[in-house]
Amino acid sequence: MAAELSERKLPLVIQCFLIILLVRKSITIERYPELHFFFLGALMSTLIALILLFFNKKASLHMMALSALTLFVFGLSIHNHNQNTLLIVFLVLMNGFVASSRLIMKAHTPIELIIGVLLGSIPQILLLFLWL
């Protein structure tokens, strides 16, 4: 748990470099197009979260990750024409549990949770149209 905003910058920079390395070397668009776009969305989310830190705004990285995963599974369900209803419902419930726990632990404010959900969801929704 990083109490100061400045403590979050280095881990986010490292995460950006690792995602770039992963997308360029291992999860290429030719091999795994769905995962490629998922990680590109994760990179976009991480970069925006990093930029927000320079404006003294904090986003919930837990909510960012979980909401991105939820939308990715939803997109996979549409793409593969199978119903992952139980998994999607489970992930939506986990979004609620994680948000509640972050509030109870006083790790985030409701606004920071909403920013995290938007940061995780919007890039996934935008990139969803490229691989569907």
N, C-alpha and C. Protein backbone atom coordinates (compact mmCIF):
# COMPACT_ATOMS: atom_id res chain seq x y z
N MET A 1 0.85 -1.17 0.00
CA MET A 1 0.00 0.00 0.00
C MET A 1 0.90 1.24 0.00
N ALA A 2 0.79 1.99 -1.04
CA ALA A 2 1.60 3.20 -1.19
C ALA A 2 0.82 4.39 -0.65
N ALA A 3 1.26 4.91 0.47
CA ALA A 3 0.55 6.01 1.11
C ALA A 3 0.73 7.32 0.34
N GLU A 4 1.93 7.56 -0.15
CA GLU A 4 2.22 8.79 -0.88
C GLU A 4 2.04 8.58 -2.38
N LEU A 5 1.60 9.62 -3.05
CA LEU A 5 1.42 9.53 -4.50
C LEU A 5 2.74 9.28 -5.22
N SER A 6 3.81 9.83 -4.71
CA SER A 6 5.11 9.67 -5.36
C SER A 6 5.60 8.21 -5.30
N GLU A 7 5.12 7.45 -4.32
CA GLU A 7 5.52 6.04 -4.22
C GLU A 7 4.88 5.18 -5.29
N ARG A 8 3.87 5.68 -5.96
CA ARG A 8 3.18 4.92 -7.00
C ARG A 8 3.81 5.09 -8.37
N LYS A 9 4.61 6.13 -8.55
CA LYS A 9 5.14 6.46 -9.88
C LYS A 9 6.09 5.39 -10.41
N LEU A 10 7.07 4.99 -9.63
CA LEU A 10 8.05 4.02 -10.11
C LEU A 10 7.41 2.66 -10.44
N PRO A 11 6.53 2.11 -9.58
CA PRO A 11 5.89 0.84 -9.97
C PRO A 11 5.07 0.95 -11.24
N LEU A 12 4.41 2.09 -11.46
CA LEU A 12 3.63 2.24 -12.69
C LEU A 12 4.52 2.36 -13.91
N VAL A 13 5.66 3.03 -13.77
CA VAL A 13 6.61 3.13 -14.89
C VAL A 13 7.16 1.74 -15.23
N ILE A 14 7.51 0.98 -14.21
CA ILE A 14 8.01 -0.38 -14.43
C ILE A 14 6.94 -1.24 -15.09
N GLN A 15 5.70 -1.09 -14.63
CA GLN A 15 4.61 -1.86 -15.23
C GLN A 15 4.43 -1.49 -16.70
N CYS A 16 4.54 -0.23 -17.04
CA CYS A 16 4.43 0.19 -18.44
C CYS A 16 5.51 -0.47 -19.30
N PHE A 17 6.75 -0.45 -18.81
CA PHE A 17 7.83 -1.07 -19.57
C PHE A 17 7.63 -2.57 -19.72
N LEU A 18 7.16 -3.23 -18.68
CA LEU A 18 6.93 -4.67 -18.76
C LEU A 18 5.81 -5.01 -19.73
N ILE A 19 4.75 -4.21 -19.73
CA ILE A 19 3.65 -4.46 -20.67
C ILE A 19 4.13 -4.23 -22.10
N ILE A 20 4.91 -3.17 -22.32
CA ILE A 20 5.45 -2.92 -23.67
C ILE A 20 6.31 -4.09 -24.13
N LEU A 21 7.16 -4.57 -23.26
CA LEU A 21 8.01 -5.71 -23.59
C LEU A 21 7.17 -6.94 -23.91
N LEU A 22 6.15 -7.17 -23.12
CA LEU A 22 5.27 -8.32 -23.33
C LEU A 22 4.53 -8.23 -24.66
N VAL A 23 4.03 -7.06 -24.98
CA VAL A 23 3.25 -6.88 -26.21
C VAL A 23 4.14 -6.96 -27.45
N ARG A 24 5.36 -6.46 -27.35
CA ARG A 24 6.24 -6.45 -28.51
C ARG A 24 6.92 -7.79 -28.77
N LYS A 25 7.22 -8.53 -27.71
CA LYS A 25 8.02 -9.75 -27.87
C LYS A 25 7.23 -11.05 -27.75
N SER A 26 6.20 -11.07 -26.94
CA SER A 26 5.56 -12.34 -26.64
C SER A 26 4.11 -12.42 -27.13
N ILE A 27 3.31 -11.46 -26.73
CA ILE A 27 1.89 -11.50 -27.08
C ILE A 27 1.67 -10.56 -28.27
N THR A 28 2.05 -11.04 -29.43
CA THR A 28 1.94 -10.23 -30.64
C THR A 28 0.54 -10.35 -31.22
N ILE A 29 0.21 -9.41 -32.08
CA ILE A 29 -1.12 -9.40 -32.68
C ILE A 29 -1.34 -10.60 -33.60
N GLU A 30 -0.26 -11.12 -34.17
CA GLU A 30 -0.39 -12.28 -35.05
C GLU A 30 -0.72 -13.55 -34.26
N ARG A 31 -0.14 -13.69 -33.09
CA ARG A 31 -0.35 -14.91 -32.29
C ARG A 31 -1.64 -14.87 -31.49
N TYR A 32 -1.81 -13.82 -30.73
CA TYR A 32 -2.92 -13.72 -29.79
C TYR A 32 -3.57 -12.34 -29.90
N PRO A 33 -4.38 -12.12 -30.92
CA PRO A 33 -4.93 -10.76 -31.12
C PRO A 33 -5.78 -10.27 -29.93
N GLU A 34 -6.56 -11.16 -29.32
CA GLU A 34 -7.40 -10.73 -28.21
C GLU A 34 -6.56 -10.27 -27.03
N LEU A 35 -5.57 -11.09 -26.64
CA LEU A 35 -4.70 -10.73 -25.52
C LEU A 35 -3.85 -9.51 -25.84
N HIS A 36 -3.45 -9.39 -27.09
CA HIS A 36 -2.65 -8.24 -27.51
C HIS A 36 -3.42 -6.94 -27.22
N PHE A 37 -4.68 -6.90 -27.62
CA PHE A 37 -5.47 -5.69 -27.39
C PHE A 37 -5.82 -5.51 -25.92
N PHE A 38 -5.96 -6.61 -25.19
CA PHE A 38 -6.20 -6.50 -23.74
C PHE A 38 -5.01 -5.82 -23.07
N PHE A 39 -3.81 -6.25 -23.41
CA PHE A 39 -2.63 -5.65 -22.81
C PHE A 39 -2.38 -4.23 -23.30
N LEU A 40 -2.76 -3.93 -24.54
CA LEU A 40 -2.67 -2.54 -25.00
C LEU A 40 -3.61 -1.65 -24.19
N GLY A 41 -4.80 -2.18 -23.88
CA GLY A 41 -5.73 -1.44 -23.03
C GLY A 41 -5.16 -1.26 -21.63
N ALA A 42 -4.51 -2.30 -21.12
CA ALA A 42 -3.87 -2.20 -19.80
C ALA A 42 -2.76 -1.16 -19.82
N LEU A 43 -2.03 -1.11 -20.92
CA LEU A 43 -0.97 -0.10 -21.05
C LEU A 43 -1.56 1.31 -21.08
N MET A 44 -2.63 1.48 -21.82
CA MET A 44 -3.29 2.79 -21.86
C MET A 44 -3.78 3.19 -20.47
N SER A 45 -4.39 2.26 -19.76
CA SER A 45 -4.89 2.54 -18.41
C SER A 45 -3.75 2.92 -17.47
N THR A 46 -2.66 2.18 -17.55
CA THR A 46 -1.51 2.45 -16.68
C THR A 46 -0.89 3.80 -16.99
N LEU A 47 -0.77 4.12 -18.26
CA LEU A 47 -0.21 5.43 -18.64
C LEU A 47 -1.08 6.58 -18.15
N ILE A 48 -2.39 6.43 -18.27
CA ILE A 48 -3.29 7.49 -17.81
C ILE A 48 -3.22 7.61 -16.29
N ALA A 49 -3.16 6.47 -15.59
CA ALA A 49 -3.02 6.51 -14.13
C ALA A 49 -1.72 7.19 -13.73
N LEU A 50 -0.66 6.95 -14.48
CA LEU A 50 0.63 7.59 -14.22
C LEU A 50 0.55 9.11 -14.47
N ILE A 51 -0.09 9.49 -15.54
CA ILE A 51 -0.25 10.91 -15.85
C ILE A 51 -1.07 11.60 -14.76
N LEU A 52 -2.12 10.94 -14.29
CA LEU A 52 -2.95 11.53 -13.23
C LEU A 52 -2.15 11.78 -11.96
N LEU A 53 -1.14 10.95 -11.69
CA LEU A 53 -0.32 11.15 -10.50
C LEU A 53 0.42 12.48 -10.55
N PHE A 54 0.79 12.93 -11.74
CA PHE A 54 1.47 14.21 -11.88
C PHE A 54 0.54 15.39 -11.62
N PHE A 55 -0.77 15.13 -11.65
CA PHE A 55 -1.77 16.15 -11.31
C PHE A 55 -2.35 15.91 -9.92
N ASN A 56 -1.64 15.11 -9.12
CA ASN A 56 -2.03 14.78 -7.74
C ASN A 56 -3.40 14.13 -7.65
N LYS A 57 -3.72 13.31 -8.62
CA LYS A 57 -4.97 12.54 -8.62
C LYS A 57 -4.62 11.06 -8.52
N LYS A 58 -5.29 10.37 -7.63
CA LYS A 58 -5.03 8.95 -7.42
C LYS A 58 -6.22 8.15 -7.92
N ALA A 59 -5.93 7.05 -8.59
CA ALA A 59 -6.97 6.13 -9.05
C ALA A 59 -6.74 4.78 -8.37
N SER A 60 -7.81 4.07 -8.15
CA SER A 60 -7.70 2.74 -7.56
C SER A 60 -7.19 1.77 -8.62
N LEU A 61 -5.97 1.30 -8.45
CA LEU A 61 -5.38 0.36 -9.40
C LEU A 61 -6.05 -1.01 -9.30
N HIS A 62 -6.54 -1.34 -8.11
CA HIS A 62 -7.27 -2.61 -7.95
C HIS A 62 -8.53 -2.59 -8.82
N MET A 63 -9.28 -1.49 -8.75
CA MET A 63 -10.51 -1.39 -9.53
C MET A 63 -10.21 -1.28 -11.02
N MET A 64 -9.12 -0.62 -11.35
CA MET A 64 -8.72 -0.50 -12.74
C MET A 64 -8.47 -1.88 -13.34
N ALA A 65 -7.73 -2.69 -12.64
CA ALA A 65 -7.39 -4.03 -13.15
C ALA A 65 -8.61 -4.93 -13.23
N LEU A 66 -9.42 -4.92 -12.19
CA LEU A 66 -10.56 -5.83 -12.16
C LEU A 66 -11.64 -5.44 -13.16
N SER A 67 -11.87 -4.14 -13.33
CA SER A 67 -12.87 -3.73 -14.32
C SER A 67 -12.39 -4.02 -15.74
N ALA A 68 -11.08 -3.88 -15.98
CA ALA A 68 -10.53 -4.22 -17.30
C ALA A 68 -10.69 -5.72 -17.58
N LEU A 69 -10.41 -6.53 -16.58
CA LEU A 69 -10.57 -7.98 -16.75
C LEU A 69 -12.03 -8.35 -16.99
N THR A 70 -12.93 -7.72 -16.29
CA THR A 70 -14.36 -7.99 -16.46
C THR A 70 -14.80 -7.69 -17.88
N LEU A 71 -14.40 -6.55 -18.41
CA LEU A 71 -14.79 -6.20 -19.77
C LEU A 71 -14.10 -7.07 -20.81
N PHE A 72 -12.88 -7.50 -20.53
CA PHE A 72 -12.19 -8.40 -21.45
C PHE A 72 -12.91 -9.74 -21.53
N VAL A 73 -13.31 -10.28 -20.39
CA VAL A 73 -14.04 -11.56 -20.39
C VAL A 73 -15.38 -11.40 -21.09
N PHE A 74 -16.03 -10.27 -20.88
CA PHE A 74 -17.28 -9.99 -21.58
C PHE A 74 -17.06 -9.96 -23.10
N GLY A 75 -15.98 -9.28 -23.51
CA GLY A 75 -15.65 -9.23 -24.93
C GLY A 75 -15.31 -10.59 -25.50
N LEU A 76 -14.58 -11.40 -24.74
CA LEU A 76 -14.27 -12.77 -25.19
C LEU A 76 -15.54 -13.60 -25.34
N SER A 77 -16.48 -13.39 -24.45
CA SER A 77 -17.75 -14.10 -24.53
C SER A 77 -18.48 -13.76 -25.82
N ILE A 78 -18.47 -12.50 -26.19
CA ILE A 78 -19.10 -12.08 -27.45
C ILE A 78 -18.30 -12.61 -28.64
N HIS A 79 -16.99 -12.48 -28.58
CA HIS A 79 -16.13 -12.87 -29.70
C HIS A 79 -16.21 -14.38 -29.99
N ASN A 80 -16.22 -15.18 -28.96
CA ASN A 80 -16.23 -16.63 -29.14
C ASN A 80 -17.63 -17.22 -29.20
N HIS A 81 -18.64 -16.39 -29.13
CA HIS A 81 -20.04 -16.82 -29.20
C HIS A 81 -20.38 -17.89 -28.17
N ASN A 82 -19.85 -17.72 -26.97
CA ASN A 82 -20.24 -18.60 -25.88
C ASN A 82 -20.63 -17.75 -24.68
N GLN A 83 -21.45 -18.33 -23.84
CA GLN A 83 -21.95 -17.56 -22.71
C GLN A 83 -21.14 -17.88 -21.47
N ASN A 84 -20.39 -16.91 -21.02
CA ASN A 84 -19.65 -17.02 -19.77
C ASN A 84 -20.39 -16.25 -18.69
N THR A 85 -21.70 -16.47 -18.62
CA THR A 85 -22.54 -15.68 -17.73
C THR A 85 -22.09 -15.79 -16.28
N LEU A 86 -21.82 -16.98 -15.83
CA LEU A 86 -21.43 -17.16 -14.43
C LEU A 86 -20.10 -16.45 -14.13
N LEU A 87 -19.16 -16.55 -15.03
CA LEU A 87 -17.87 -15.90 -14.83
C LEU A 87 -18.02 -14.38 -14.83
N ILE A 88 -18.84 -13.86 -15.73
CA ILE A 88 -19.05 -12.41 -15.79
C ILE A 88 -19.76 -11.92 -14.53
N VAL A 89 -20.77 -12.65 -14.09
CA VAL A 89 -21.47 -12.28 -12.85
C VAL A 89 -20.50 -12.34 -11.67
N PHE A 90 -19.67 -13.37 -11.62
CA PHE A 90 -18.67 -13.48 -10.56
C PHE A 90 -17.72 -12.29 -10.56
N LEU A 91 -17.24 -11.89 -11.74
CA LEU A 91 -16.32 -10.77 -11.84
C LEU A 91 -16.99 -9.45 -11.45
N VAL A 92 -18.26 -9.28 -11.81
CA VAL A 92 -18.99 -8.07 -11.41
C VAL A 92 -19.14 -8.04 -9.89
N LEU A 93 -19.44 -9.19 -9.29
CA LEU A 93 -19.51 -9.26 -7.83
C LEU A 93 -18.16 -8.95 -7.19
N MET A 94 -17.09 -9.46 -7.79
CA MET A 94 -15.76 -9.18 -7.26
C MET A 94 -15.42 -7.69 -7.35
N ASN A 95 -15.91 -7.03 -8.42
CA ASN A 95 -15.74 -5.58 -8.51
C ASN A 95 -16.37 -4.90 -7.29
N GLY A 96 -17.56 -5.35 -6.95
CA GLY A 96 -18.24 -4.79 -5.78
C GLY A 96 -17.52 -5.08 -4.48
N PHE A 97 -17.05 -6.32 -4.33
CA PHE A 97 -16.33 -6.69 -3.11
C PHE A 97 -15.02 -5.91 -2.97
N VAL A 98 -14.29 -5.78 -4.06
CA VAL A 98 -13.03 -5.05 -4.02
C VAL A 98 -13.28 -3.58 -3.71
N ALA A 99 -14.28 -2.99 -4.34
CA ALA A 99 -14.60 -1.58 -4.08
C ALA A 99 -14.99 -1.40 -2.61
N SER A 100 -15.80 -2.30 -2.09
CA SER A 100 -16.21 -2.21 -0.68
C SER A 100 -15.02 -2.35 0.25
N SER A 101 -14.14 -3.28 -0.06
CA SER A 101 -12.98 -3.47 0.82
C SER A 101 -12.05 -2.27 0.79
N ARG A 102 -11.89 -1.66 -0.38
CA ARG A 102 -11.03 -0.48 -0.47
C ARG A 102 -11.61 0.69 0.32
N LEU A 103 -12.96 0.78 0.33
CA LEU A 103 -13.60 1.83 1.12
C LEU A 103 -13.51 1.55 2.61
N ILE A 104 -13.73 0.30 3.00
CA ILE A 104 -13.68 -0.06 4.42
C ILE A 104 -12.27 0.13 4.97
N MET A 105 -11.26 -0.21 4.17
CA MET A 105 -9.88 -0.03 4.61
C MET A 105 -9.42 1.43 4.55
N LYS A 106 -10.30 2.29 4.04
CA LYS A 106 -9.99 3.71 3.86
C LYS A 106 -8.75 3.92 2.97
N ALA A 107 -8.58 3.03 2.01
CA ALA A 107 -7.47 3.14 1.07
C ALA A 107 -7.81 4.10 -0.06
N HIS A 108 -9.11 4.28 -0.34
CA HIS A 108 -9.55 5.14 -1.43
C HIS A 108 -10.85 5.84 -1.07
N THR A 109 -11.10 6.91 -1.77
CA THR A 109 -12.38 7.59 -1.68
C THR A 109 -13.28 7.04 -2.80
N PRO A 110 -14.59 7.28 -2.72
CA PRO A 110 -15.46 6.82 -3.81
C PRO A 110 -15.06 7.37 -5.18
N ILE A 111 -14.59 8.61 -5.23
CA ILE A 111 -14.17 9.21 -6.51
C ILE A 111 -12.97 8.46 -7.08
N GLU A 112 -12.02 8.08 -6.23
CA GLU A 112 -10.84 7.34 -6.70
C GLU A 112 -11.23 5.97 -7.23
N LEU A 113 -12.24 5.36 -6.63
CA LEU A 113 -12.73 4.07 -7.13
C LEU A 113 -13.39 4.24 -8.49
N ILE A 114 -14.17 5.29 -8.64
CA ILE A 114 -14.84 5.55 -9.92
C ILE A 114 -13.81 5.84 -11.01
N ILE A 115 -12.79 6.62 -10.67
CA ILE A 115 -11.72 6.90 -11.64
C ILE A 115 -11.03 5.59 -12.04
N GLY A 116 -10.78 4.71 -11.07
CA GLY A 116 -10.16 3.42 -11.37
C GLY A 116 -11.01 2.57 -12.30
N VAL A 117 -12.32 2.53 -12.05
CA VAL A 117 -13.22 1.75 -12.91
C VAL A 117 -13.23 2.34 -14.33
N LEU A 118 -13.29 3.66 -14.43
CA LEU A 118 -13.29 4.29 -15.75
C LEU A 118 -11.97 4.08 -16.48
N LEU A 119 -10.85 4.16 -15.74
CA LEU A 119 -9.54 3.94 -16.37
C LEU A 119 -9.39 2.51 -16.87
N GLY A 120 -9.96 1.57 -16.17
CA GLY A 120 -9.87 0.18 -16.61
C GLY A 120 -10.85 -0.15 -17.73
N SER A 121 -12.02 0.46 -17.69
CA SER A 121 -13.10 0.11 -18.62
C SER A 121 -13.00 0.79 -19.98
N ILE A 122 -12.75 2.07 -19.98
CA ILE A 122 -12.82 2.83 -21.23
C ILE A 122 -11.80 2.34 -22.28
N PRO A 123 -10.51 2.14 -21.93
CA PRO A 123 -9.60 1.62 -22.96
C PRO A 123 -10.01 0.23 -23.45
N GLN A 124 -10.53 -0.61 -22.58
CA GLN A 124 -10.96 -1.94 -23.01
C GLN A 124 -12.14 -1.84 -23.96
N ILE A 125 -13.07 -0.94 -23.68
CA ILE A 125 -14.23 -0.77 -24.56
C ILE A 125 -13.79 -0.22 -25.92
N LEU A 126 -12.89 0.75 -25.91
CA LEU A 126 -12.42 1.32 -27.18
C LEU A 126 -11.68 0.29 -28.02
N LEU A 127 -10.84 -0.51 -27.40
CA LEU A 127 -10.06 -1.52 -28.14
C LEU A 127 -10.89 -2.75 -28.46
N LEU A 128 -11.98 -2.93 -27.78
CA LEU A 128 -12.86 -4.08 -28.03
C LEU A 128 -13.35 -4.08 -29.47
N PHE A 129 -13.61 -2.89 -30.00
CA PHE A 129 -14.10 -2.78 -31.36
C PHE A 129 -13.05 -3.15 -32.40
N LEU A 130 -11.78 -3.16 -32.03
CA LEU A 130 -10.73 -3.53 -32.98
C LEU A 130 -10.58 -5.03 -33.15
N TRP A 131 -10.90 -5.80 -32.14
CA TRP A 131 -10.69 -7.25 -32.25
C TRP A 131 -11.99 -8.05 -32.26
N LEU A 132 -13.13 -7.42 -32.14
CA LEU A 132 -14.39 -8.17 -32.21
C LEU A 132 -14.75 -8.56 -33.61
